[in-house]
N, C-alpha and C. Protein backbone atom coordinates (compact mmCIF):
# COMPACT_ATOMS: atom_id res chain seq x y z
N MET A 1 17.27 -61.91 20.06
CA MET A 1 17.75 -61.67 18.72
C MET A 1 16.57 -61.26 17.86
N ASN A 2 16.76 -60.24 17.12
CA ASN A 2 15.74 -59.74 16.23
C ASN A 2 15.67 -60.61 14.97
N ILE A 3 14.48 -61.03 14.61
CA ILE A 3 14.33 -61.89 13.44
C ILE A 3 14.89 -61.23 12.19
N ASN A 4 14.81 -59.92 12.10
CA ASN A 4 15.33 -59.23 10.92
C ASN A 4 16.84 -59.37 10.78
N HIS A 5 17.52 -59.73 11.85
CA HIS A 5 18.98 -59.87 11.80
C HIS A 5 19.42 -61.32 11.56
N THR A 6 18.49 -62.23 11.41
CA THR A 6 18.90 -63.62 11.22
C THR A 6 19.62 -63.82 9.90
N ARG A 7 19.29 -63.04 8.90
CA ARG A 7 20.02 -63.19 7.63
C ARG A 7 21.49 -62.87 7.82
N ASP A 8 21.79 -62.00 8.80
CA ASP A 8 23.19 -61.68 9.10
C ASP A 8 23.95 -62.90 9.62
N LEU A 9 23.27 -63.77 10.36
CA LEU A 9 23.92 -64.98 10.85
C LEU A 9 24.45 -65.83 9.69
N VAL A 10 23.61 -66.02 8.71
CA VAL A 10 23.99 -66.85 7.57
C VAL A 10 25.06 -66.15 6.75
N ARG A 11 24.90 -64.87 6.55
CA ARG A 11 25.90 -64.11 5.78
C ARG A 11 27.26 -64.16 6.48
N LEU A 12 27.28 -63.93 7.78
CA LEU A 12 28.54 -63.96 8.52
C LEU A 12 29.16 -65.35 8.54
N ALA A 13 28.34 -66.36 8.67
CA ALA A 13 28.87 -67.72 8.64
C ALA A 13 29.56 -68.00 7.31
N ASN A 14 28.99 -67.53 6.23
CA ASN A 14 29.60 -67.72 4.91
C ASN A 14 30.91 -66.94 4.77
N VAL A 15 30.94 -65.74 5.29
CA VAL A 15 32.13 -64.90 5.16
C VAL A 15 33.27 -65.39 6.04
N TYR A 16 32.96 -65.76 7.27
CA TYR A 16 34.00 -66.09 8.23
C TYR A 16 34.33 -67.57 8.31
N TYR A 17 33.71 -68.38 7.51
CA TYR A 17 34.00 -69.81 7.54
C TYR A 17 35.44 -70.04 7.09
N ASP A 18 36.19 -70.81 7.87
CA ASP A 18 37.60 -71.08 7.58
C ASP A 18 37.73 -72.24 6.60
N ASP A 19 37.88 -71.92 5.33
CA ASP A 19 37.99 -72.94 4.29
C ASP A 19 39.28 -73.75 4.38
N THR A 20 40.28 -73.23 5.06
CA THR A 20 41.56 -73.94 5.14
C THR A 20 41.48 -75.16 6.05
N ARG A 21 40.44 -75.26 6.84
CA ARG A 21 40.31 -76.37 7.79
C ARG A 21 39.18 -77.33 7.44
N SER A 22 38.71 -77.27 6.22
CA SER A 22 37.60 -78.16 5.86
C SER A 22 37.64 -78.50 4.38
N THR A 23 36.87 -79.49 4.05
CA THR A 23 36.70 -79.86 2.65
C THR A 23 35.48 -79.10 2.11
N PRO A 24 35.35 -79.02 0.81
CA PRO A 24 34.16 -78.37 0.25
C PRO A 24 32.86 -79.03 0.73
N GLU A 25 32.87 -80.35 0.89
CA GLU A 25 31.67 -81.05 1.35
C GLU A 25 31.34 -80.68 2.80
N LYS A 26 32.36 -80.61 3.66
CA LYS A 26 32.13 -80.23 5.06
C LYS A 26 31.63 -78.79 5.15
N ARG A 27 32.22 -77.91 4.35
CA ARG A 27 31.78 -76.51 4.32
C ARG A 27 30.32 -76.43 3.96
N LYS A 28 29.94 -77.15 2.90
CA LYS A 28 28.55 -77.14 2.46
C LYS A 28 27.62 -77.64 3.57
N ASN A 29 27.99 -78.74 4.22
CA ASN A 29 27.17 -79.29 5.30
C ASN A 29 27.08 -78.35 6.50
N ASP A 30 28.20 -77.76 6.88
CA ASP A 30 28.21 -76.84 8.03
C ASP A 30 27.35 -75.60 7.75
N LEU A 31 27.51 -75.03 6.58
CA LEU A 31 26.74 -73.82 6.26
C LEU A 31 25.27 -74.13 6.06
N ASN A 32 24.97 -75.32 5.56
CA ASN A 32 23.57 -75.74 5.47
C ASN A 32 22.96 -75.88 6.87
N HIS A 33 23.76 -76.40 7.80
CA HIS A 33 23.31 -76.51 9.19
C HIS A 33 22.96 -75.13 9.76
N VAL A 34 23.82 -74.15 9.53
CA VAL A 34 23.54 -72.79 10.01
C VAL A 34 22.26 -72.26 9.38
N ALA A 35 22.11 -72.46 8.09
CA ALA A 35 20.91 -71.96 7.40
C ALA A 35 19.64 -72.62 7.93
N LEU A 36 19.67 -73.95 8.10
CA LEU A 36 18.49 -74.66 8.61
C LEU A 36 18.16 -74.28 10.05
N CYS A 37 19.18 -74.14 10.88
CA CYS A 37 18.93 -73.76 12.27
C CYS A 37 18.41 -72.33 12.36
N THR A 38 18.90 -71.47 11.50
CA THR A 38 18.39 -70.10 11.46
C THR A 38 16.93 -70.10 11.03
N TRP A 39 16.63 -70.88 9.99
CA TRP A 39 15.23 -71.00 9.55
C TRP A 39 14.36 -71.56 10.67
N ALA A 40 14.85 -72.57 11.39
CA ALA A 40 14.07 -73.17 12.47
C ALA A 40 13.79 -72.15 13.57
N PHE A 41 14.74 -71.28 13.86
CA PHE A 41 14.50 -70.24 14.85
C PHE A 41 13.39 -69.29 14.38
N VAL A 42 13.51 -68.82 13.16
CA VAL A 42 12.51 -67.88 12.63
C VAL A 42 11.13 -68.54 12.60
N ARG A 43 11.07 -69.77 12.15
CA ARG A 43 9.78 -70.47 12.06
C ARG A 43 9.21 -70.74 13.45
N SER A 44 10.07 -71.06 14.41
CA SER A 44 9.62 -71.28 15.78
C SER A 44 9.11 -69.99 16.42
N MET A 45 9.76 -68.89 16.12
CA MET A 45 9.28 -67.61 16.64
C MET A 45 7.93 -67.24 16.02
N LYS A 46 7.77 -67.50 14.74
CA LYS A 46 6.48 -67.24 14.10
C LYS A 46 5.38 -68.05 14.79
N ARG A 47 5.65 -69.32 15.05
CA ARG A 47 4.68 -70.17 15.73
C ARG A 47 4.42 -69.69 17.14
N HIS A 48 5.46 -69.26 17.83
CA HIS A 48 5.35 -68.76 19.19
C HIS A 48 4.42 -67.55 19.27
N LEU A 49 4.42 -66.74 18.23
CA LEU A 49 3.62 -65.51 18.21
C LEU A 49 2.26 -65.69 17.55
N SER A 50 1.97 -66.87 17.03
CA SER A 50 0.71 -67.13 16.33
C SER A 50 -0.23 -67.94 17.21
N PRO A 51 -1.53 -67.84 16.95
CA PRO A 51 -2.48 -68.69 17.68
C PRO A 51 -2.23 -70.18 17.36
N GLU A 52 -2.31 -71.01 18.40
CA GLU A 52 -2.02 -72.43 18.23
C GLU A 52 -2.91 -73.07 17.17
N ALA A 53 -4.19 -72.77 17.21
CA ALA A 53 -5.13 -73.39 16.27
C ALA A 53 -4.82 -73.03 14.82
N GLU A 54 -4.21 -71.90 14.63
CA GLU A 54 -3.92 -71.41 13.29
C GLU A 54 -2.63 -71.98 12.70
N ASP A 55 -1.66 -72.30 13.56
CA ASP A 55 -0.32 -72.58 13.01
C ASP A 55 0.35 -73.86 13.50
N GLU A 56 -0.19 -74.55 14.47
CA GLU A 56 0.52 -75.70 15.05
C GLU A 56 0.75 -76.82 14.04
N ALA A 57 -0.29 -77.21 13.33
CA ALA A 57 -0.14 -78.32 12.36
C ALA A 57 0.84 -77.97 11.23
N PRO A 58 0.72 -76.80 10.61
CA PRO A 58 1.71 -76.45 9.58
C PRO A 58 3.13 -76.35 10.12
N PHE A 59 3.25 -75.83 11.34
CA PHE A 59 4.57 -75.71 11.98
C PHE A 59 5.23 -77.08 12.11
N ARG A 60 4.50 -78.03 12.66
CA ARG A 60 5.05 -79.38 12.84
C ARG A 60 5.40 -80.01 11.49
N ALA A 61 4.53 -79.87 10.53
CA ALA A 61 4.77 -80.45 9.20
C ALA A 61 6.04 -79.87 8.57
N GLU A 62 6.21 -78.56 8.68
CA GLU A 62 7.38 -77.92 8.10
C GLU A 62 8.66 -78.36 8.80
N LEU A 63 8.62 -78.45 10.13
CA LEU A 63 9.83 -78.90 10.85
C LEU A 63 10.21 -80.31 10.43
N TYR A 64 9.24 -81.21 10.39
CA TYR A 64 9.55 -82.59 10.01
C TYR A 64 9.99 -82.70 8.55
N ASP A 65 9.55 -81.78 7.72
CA ASP A 65 9.94 -81.79 6.31
C ASP A 65 11.38 -81.31 6.11
N LYS A 66 11.80 -80.32 6.89
CA LYS A 66 13.10 -79.69 6.64
C LYS A 66 14.22 -80.14 7.56
N LEU A 67 13.89 -80.58 8.77
CA LEU A 67 14.92 -80.92 9.75
C LEU A 67 15.01 -82.43 9.96
N PRO A 68 16.14 -82.88 10.50
CA PRO A 68 16.21 -84.29 10.91
C PRO A 68 15.13 -84.55 11.97
N PRO A 69 14.51 -85.73 11.97
CA PRO A 69 13.40 -86.00 12.90
C PRO A 69 13.72 -85.73 14.36
N GLN A 70 14.91 -86.09 14.80
CA GLN A 70 15.27 -85.88 16.21
C GLN A 70 15.34 -84.39 16.56
N GLN A 71 15.89 -83.59 15.67
CA GLN A 71 15.98 -82.15 15.90
C GLN A 71 14.58 -81.53 15.91
N ALA A 72 13.74 -81.93 14.97
CA ALA A 72 12.37 -81.42 14.91
C ALA A 72 11.62 -81.75 16.20
N GLU A 73 11.76 -82.98 16.65
CA GLU A 73 11.07 -83.42 17.86
C GLU A 73 11.51 -82.63 19.09
N LYS A 74 12.80 -82.36 19.20
CA LYS A 74 13.30 -81.59 20.34
C LYS A 74 12.72 -80.18 20.36
N ILE A 75 12.61 -79.57 19.20
CA ILE A 75 12.02 -78.23 19.13
C ILE A 75 10.54 -78.28 19.48
N ILE A 76 9.83 -79.23 18.93
CA ILE A 76 8.39 -79.35 19.18
C ILE A 76 8.09 -79.57 20.66
N LYS A 77 8.90 -80.38 21.33
CA LYS A 77 8.66 -80.70 22.74
C LYS A 77 9.16 -79.63 23.72
N ALA A 78 9.90 -78.66 23.24
CA ALA A 78 10.50 -77.66 24.12
C ALA A 78 9.46 -76.74 24.74
N ALA A 79 9.76 -76.30 25.96
CA ALA A 79 8.88 -75.34 26.64
C ALA A 79 8.89 -73.99 25.92
N HIS A 80 10.06 -73.60 25.40
CA HIS A 80 10.18 -72.35 24.63
C HIS A 80 10.89 -72.70 23.33
N ARG A 81 10.12 -72.91 22.30
CA ARG A 81 10.64 -73.42 21.04
C ARG A 81 11.68 -72.53 20.37
N PRO A 82 11.49 -71.20 20.34
CA PRO A 82 12.54 -70.36 19.73
C PRO A 82 13.89 -70.51 20.42
N ASN A 83 13.89 -70.57 21.75
CA ASN A 83 15.16 -70.76 22.45
C ASN A 83 15.80 -72.10 22.14
N ARG A 84 14.99 -73.13 22.01
CA ARG A 84 15.52 -74.46 21.66
C ARG A 84 16.11 -74.45 20.27
N ALA A 85 15.46 -73.76 19.35
CA ALA A 85 15.99 -73.67 17.99
C ALA A 85 17.32 -72.92 17.98
N LEU A 86 17.44 -71.88 18.79
CA LEU A 86 18.70 -71.15 18.88
C LEU A 86 19.82 -72.02 19.45
N GLN A 87 19.46 -72.89 20.37
CA GLN A 87 20.46 -73.79 20.96
C GLN A 87 21.13 -74.65 19.90
N ASP A 88 20.37 -75.04 18.87
CA ASP A 88 20.93 -75.86 17.80
C ASP A 88 22.01 -75.12 17.01
N LEU A 89 21.98 -73.81 17.02
CA LEU A 89 23.00 -73.03 16.32
C LEU A 89 24.36 -73.08 17.01
N SER A 90 24.37 -73.46 18.27
CA SER A 90 25.60 -73.37 19.05
C SER A 90 26.54 -74.55 18.89
N PHE A 91 26.18 -75.56 18.15
CA PHE A 91 27.12 -76.68 17.99
C PHE A 91 27.54 -76.85 16.56
């Protein structure tokens, strides 16, 4: 997936979300999940393409700041972090 197309994921999720089957609170939580997982993918890809010494500490700090601790830990421990971040989008 091209990073430039990730904004389309969030846009499509907003357009195609079925409001008839959820409450406003659930909609907000679900769409926030899509946005955070999309951000995690982009941030993981940036880290994947950057030198470790330059970006590892900020990467970890940002994940722990924005994501639930368990989700951040799974991405950090993954062999291929961008793929792990994409996996979170599937549920």
